[in-house]
C-alpha atoms as a PDB file:
ATOM      1  CA  MET A   1     -12.557  -7.428   7.421  1.00  0.00           C
ATOM      2  CA  SER A   2     -15.677  -5.318   7.248  1.00  0.00           C
ATOM      3  CA  TRP A   3     -17.561  -4.938   4.108  1.00  0.00           C
ATOM      4  CA  PRO A   4     -16.743  -1.292   3.601  1.00  0.00           C
ATOM      5  CA  HIS A   5     -13.000  -2.168   4.081  1.00  0.00           C
ATOM      6  CA  GLY A   6     -13.291  -5.308   2.035  1.00  0.00           C
ATOM      7  CA  GLY A   7     -15.229  -3.613  -0.704  1.00  0.00           C
ATOM      8  CA  PHE A   8     -12.580  -0.817  -0.952  1.00  0.00           C
ATOM      9  CA  ALA A   9      -9.880  -3.513  -0.942  1.00  0.00           C
ATOM     10  CA  VAL A  10     -11.386  -5.297  -3.933  1.00  0.00           C
ATOM     11  CA  SER A  11     -11.843  -1.984  -5.794  1.00  0.00           C
ATOM     12  CA  TRP A  12      -8.318  -1.023  -5.005  1.00  0.00           C
ATOM     13  CA  ARG A  13      -6.873  -4.358  -6.162  1.00  0.00           C
ATOM     14  CA  ARG A  14      -8.743  -4.101  -9.482  1.00  0.00           C
ATOM     15  CA  ARG A  15      -7.412  -0.640 -10.277  1.00  0.00           C
ATOM     16  CA  PHE A  16      -3.889  -1.476  -9.156  1.00  0.00           C
ATOM     17  CA  ARG A  17      -3.910  -4.638 -11.394  1.00  0.00           C
ATOM     18  CA  THR A  18      -4.722  -2.330 -14.493  1.00  0.00           C
ATOM     19  CA  LEU A  19      -1.750  -0.229 -13.503  1.00  0.00           C
ATOM     20  CA  ILE A  20       0.482  -3.325 -13.222  1.00  0.00           C
ATOM     21  CA  ARG A  21      -0.907  -4.564 -16.541  1.00  0.00           C
ATOM     22  CA  ASP A  22      -0.224  -1.252 -18.080  1.00  0.00           C
ATOM     23  CA  LEU A  23       3.310  -1.160 -16.652  1.00  0.00           C
ATOM     24  CA  SER A  24       4.070  -4.725 -18.021  1.00  0.00           C
ATOM     25  CA  LEU A  25       2.996  -3.659 -21.411  1.00  0.00           C
ATOM     26  CA  ARG A  26       5.263  -0.661 -21.411  1.00  0.00           C
ATOM     27  CA  THR A  27       8.291  -2.226 -19.919  1.00  0.00           C
ATOM     28  CA  GLY A  28       8.035  -5.822 -21.420  1.00  0.00           C
ATOM     29  CA  ARG A  29       8.529  -7.207 -17.841  1.00  0.00           C
ATOM     30  CA  ARG A  30       5.883  -9.161 -16.017  1.00  0.00           C
ATOM     31  CA  TRP A  31       4.558  -7.602 -12.813  1.00  0.00           C
ATOM     32  CA  ARG A  32       2.404  -9.392 -10.368  1.00  0.00           C
ATOM     33  CA  THR A  33       0.138  -8.374  -7.507  1.00  0.00           C
ATOM     34  CA  ARG A  34      -0.059 -10.503  -4.382  1.00  0.00           C
ATOM     35  CA  GLY A  35      -1.915 -10.506  -1.219  1.00  0.00           C
ATOM     36  CA  SER A  36      -0.507 -10.267   2.316  1.00  0.00           C
ATOM     37  CA  ALA A  37       0.541 -13.927   2.128  1.00  0.00           C
ATOM     38  CA  ALA A  38       3.322 -12.811  -0.203  1.00  0.00           C
ATOM     39  CA  LEU A  39       5.383 -11.899   2.800  1.00  0.00           C
ATOM     40  CA  ASP A  40       4.853 -15.121   4.709  1.00  0.00           C
ATOM     41  CA  ALA A  41       7.502 -17.574   4.423  1.00  0.00           C
ATOM     42  CA  ALA A  42       5.385 -20.454   5.553  1.00  0.00           C
ATOM     43  CA  THR A  43       3.037 -19.980   2.572  1.00  0.00           C
ATOM     44  CA  ASN A  44       6.005 -20.028   0.043  1.00  0.00           C
ATOM     45  CA  GLY A  45       5.527 -16.248  -0.436  1.00  0.00           C
ATOM     46  CA  VAL A  46       8.104 -13.971  -2.074  1.00  0.00           C
ATOM     47  CA  ALA A  47      11.131 -12.622  -0.342  1.00  0.00           C
ATOM     48  CA  PRO A  48      10.392  -9.094   1.107  1.00  0.00           C
ATOM     49  CA  ASP A  49      13.514  -7.771  -0.834  1.00  0.00           C
ATOM     50  CA  GLU A  50      11.486  -8.756  -3.986  1.00  0.00           C
ATOM     51  CA  VAL A  51       8.546  -6.638  -2.908  1.00  0.00           C
ATOM     52  CA  LEU A  52       8.513  -3.436  -4.985  1.00  0.00           C
ATOM     53  CA  LEU A  53       5.444  -1.816  -3.193  1.00  0.00           C
ATOM     54  CA  ALA A  54       3.335  -2.783  -0.297  1.00  0.00           C
ATOM     55  CA  ALA A  55      -0.144  -1.086  -0.381  1.00  0.00           C
ATOM     56  CA  GLU A  56      -2.443  -1.122   2.654  1.00  0.00           C
ATOM     57  CA  ILE A  57      -5.920   0.050   3.109  1.00  0.00           C
ATOM     58  CA  VAL A  58      -6.561   1.308   6.597  1.00  0.00           C
ATOM     59  CA  SER A  59      -9.202  -0.624   8.391  1.00  0.00           C
ATOM     60  CA  PRO A  60     -11.539   1.399  10.535  1.00  0.00           C
ATOM     61  CA  SER A  61     -11.173  -1.003  13.293  1.00  0.00           C
ATOM     62  CA  ASN A  62      -7.367  -1.322  13.281  1.00  0.00           C
ATOM     63  CA  PRO A  63      -5.575   1.597  11.894  1.00  0.00           C
ATOM     64  CA  ASP A  64      -2.463   1.104  14.087  1.00  0.00           C
ATOM     65  CA  ASN A  65      -1.833  -2.010  12.368  1.00  0.00           C
ATOM     66  CA  ASP A  66      -0.846  -0.017   9.170  1.00  0.00           C
ATOM     67  CA  TYR A  67       0.502   3.320  10.839  1.00  0.00           C
ATOM     68  CA  VAL A  68       2.592   1.657  13.559  1.00  0.00           C
ATOM     69  CA  ALA A  69       3.327  -2.041  13.094  1.00  0.00           C
ATOM     70  CA  LYS A  70       3.845  -2.084   9.378  1.00  0.00           C
ATOM     71  CA  MET A  71       5.740   1.209   9.480  1.00  0.00           C
ATOM     72  CA  ARG A  72       8.189  -0.499  11.759  1.00  0.00           C
ATOM     73  CA  ASP A  73       8.254  -3.880   9.935  1.00  0.00           C
ATOM     74  CA  TYR A  74       8.267  -2.777   6.185  1.00  0.00           C
ATOM     75  CA  PRO A  75      11.446  -0.638   6.095  1.00  0.00           C
ATOM     76  CA  ALA A  76      13.230  -3.278   8.141  1.00  0.00           C
ATOM     77  CA  MET A  77      12.213  -5.908   5.397  1.00  0.00           C
ATOM     78  CA  GLY A  78      13.678  -3.541   2.743  1.00  0.00           C
ATOM     79  CA  ILE A  79      10.324  -3.028   1.061  1.00  0.00           C
ATOM     80  CA  GLU A  80      11.258   0.138  -1.220  1.00  0.00           C
ATOM     81  CA  HIS A  81       7.716   1.753  -1.417  1.00  0.00           C
ATOM     82  CA  TYR A  82       5.003   1.500   1.208  1.00  0.00           C
ATOM     83  CA  LEU A  83       1.509   3.148   0.613  1.00  0.00           C
ATOM     84  CA  ILE A  84      -1.081   3.677   3.168  1.00  0.00           C
ATOM     85  CA  VAL A  85      -4.516   4.448   1.700  1.00  0.00           C
ATOM     86  CA  ASP A  86      -6.813   5.851   4.391  1.00  0.00           C
ATOM     87  CA  PRO A  87     -10.512   6.043   3.361  1.00  0.00           C
ATOM     88  CA  ARG A  88     -11.310   7.467   6.776  1.00  0.00           C
ATOM     89  CA  THR A  89      -9.337  10.715   6.235  1.00  0.00           C
ATOM     90  CA  GLY A  90      -9.115  10.648   2.373  1.00  0.00           C
ATOM     91  CA  LEU A  91      -5.367  10.630   2.471  1.00  0.00           C
ATOM     92  CA  VAL A  92      -2.667   8.594   0.847  1.00  0.00           C
ATOM     93  CA  HIS A  93       0.706   8.272   2.608  1.00  0.00           C
ATOM     94  CA  HIS A  94       3.630   7.280   0.431  1.00  0.00           C
ATOM     95  CA  HIS A  95       6.815   6.164   2.148  1.00  0.00           C
ATOM     96  CA  ALA A  96       9.908   5.147   0.378  1.00  0.00           C
ATOM     97  CA  GLU A  97      13.686   4.861   0.775  1.00  0.00           C
ATOM     98  CA  PRO A  98      14.111   2.483   3.677  1.00  0.00           C
ATOM     99  CA  THR A  99      17.344   3.004   5.778  1.00  0.00           C
ATOM    100  CA  GLY A 100      18.628   1.497   8.866  1.00  0.00           C
ATOM    101  CA  SER A 101      17.963  -2.076  10.214  1.00  0.00           C
ATOM    102  CA  GLY A 102      15.944  -3.770  12.977  1.00  0.00           C
ATOM    103  CA  ASP A 103      14.297  -1.341  15.409  1.00  0.00           C
ATOM    104  CA  ALA A 104      16.256   1.609  13.819  1.00  0.00           C
ATOM    105  CA  ALA A 105      14.836   0.960  10.343  1.00  0.00           C
ATOM    106  CA  ARG A 106      12.546   3.763   8.881  1.00  0.00           C
ATOM    107  CA  TYR A 107      11.609   5.460   5.700  1.00  0.00           C
ATOM    108  CA  THR A 108      13.403   8.677   4.891  1.00  0.00           C
ATOM    109  CA  TYR A 109      10.838   9.638   2.059  1.00  0.00           C
ATOM    110  CA  ASN A 110       7.553  10.490   3.287  1.00  0.00           C
ATOM    111  CA  ARG A 111       4.664  12.348   1.396  1.00  0.00           C
ATOM    112  CA  GLU A 112       0.964  12.754   2.016  1.00  0.00           C
ATOM    113  CA  TYR A 113      -1.535  13.473  -0.739  1.00  0.00           C
ATOM    114  CA  ALA A 114      -5.332  14.087  -0.395  1.00  0.00           C
ATOM    115  CA  PHE A 115      -7.578  11.681  -2.563  1.00  0.00           C
ATOM    116  CA  GLY A 116      -7.913  13.305  -5.918  1.00  0.00           C
ATOM    117  CA  ALA A 117      -4.208  13.921  -6.507  1.00  0.00           C
ATOM    118  CA  LYS A 118      -2.283  12.220  -9.231  1.00  0.00           C
ATOM    119  CA  ILE A 119       0.912  10.824  -7.788  1.00  0.00           C
ATOM    120  CA  GLU A 120       4.087   9.112  -8.741  1.00  0.00           C
ATOM    121  CA  ILE A 121       5.292   5.924  -6.992  1.00  0.00           C
ATOM    122  CA  GLY A 122       8.426   4.644  -8.433  1.00  0.00           C
ATOM    123  CA  ALA A 123       7.450   3.722 -12.019  1.00  0.00           C
ATOM    124  CA  TRP A 124       3.638   4.043 -11.455  1.00  0.00           C
ATOM    125  CA  ARG A 125       1.333   6.914 -11.734  1.00  0.00           C
ATOM    126  CA  LEU A 126      -1.597   6.610  -9.616  1.00  0.00           C
ATOM    127  CA  ASP A 127      -4.956   8.700  -9.878  1.00  0.00           C
ATOM    128  CA  THR A 128      -6.262   8.794  -6.356  1.00  0.00           C
ATOM    129  CA  GLY A 129      -9.440  10.582  -7.585  1.00  0.00           C
ATOM    130  CA  VAL A 130     -11.143   7.149  -7.996  1.00  0.00           C
ATOM    131  CA  PHE A 131     -10.547   6.128  -4.355  1.00  0.00           C
ATOM    132  CA  PRO A 132     -13.921   6.197  -2.429  1.00  0.00           C
ATOM    133  CA  ARG A 133     -14.078   7.314   1.211  1.00  0.00           C
ATOM    134  CA  TYR A 134     -15.584   5.390   4.153  1.00  0.00           C
ATOM    135  CA  THR A 135     -18.873   6.976   5.280  1.00  0.00           C
ATOM    136  CA  GLY A 136     -20.750   7.321   8.561  1.00  0.00           C
ATOM    137  CA  GLU A 137     -19.953   4.669  11.137  1.00  0.00           C
ATOM    138  CA  ASP A 138     -17.554   3.034   8.733  1.00  0.00           C
ATOM    139  CA  SER A 139     -14.854   5.756   9.091  1.00  0.00           C
ATOM    140  CA  GLU A 140     -14.861   5.369  12.984  1.00  0.00           C
ATOM    141  CA  GLY A 141     -11.930   3.330  14.487  1.00  0.00           C
END
């Protein structure tokens, strides 16, 4: 993970934890954030059907991982919301309502937002105006 991607990921995780904390206070239910190991059965992670939202920050060096591989895998796992945050383009892609199974699995809800938009993702409201963009060489894949 390069520093620009890593720095953005840390910033995103902090902001999302604040949203989780706020949601926990409003609903009385305890919500948690987990890293990618949450989906790995070998590490005693959570079952994919318990994941409410998967958020990925596109790496400049490997965007296909988020746009192709995970777009195939996450709906097949039944993950209700998949958020792709792309600092290269300044866009957020929200995918939801998985349908089908195996290779036929896909999301039926697909929306694109520019950084700066305030969007609703399930029970969350997210202000993307605080998301930084990659700059210069960092934005090239």
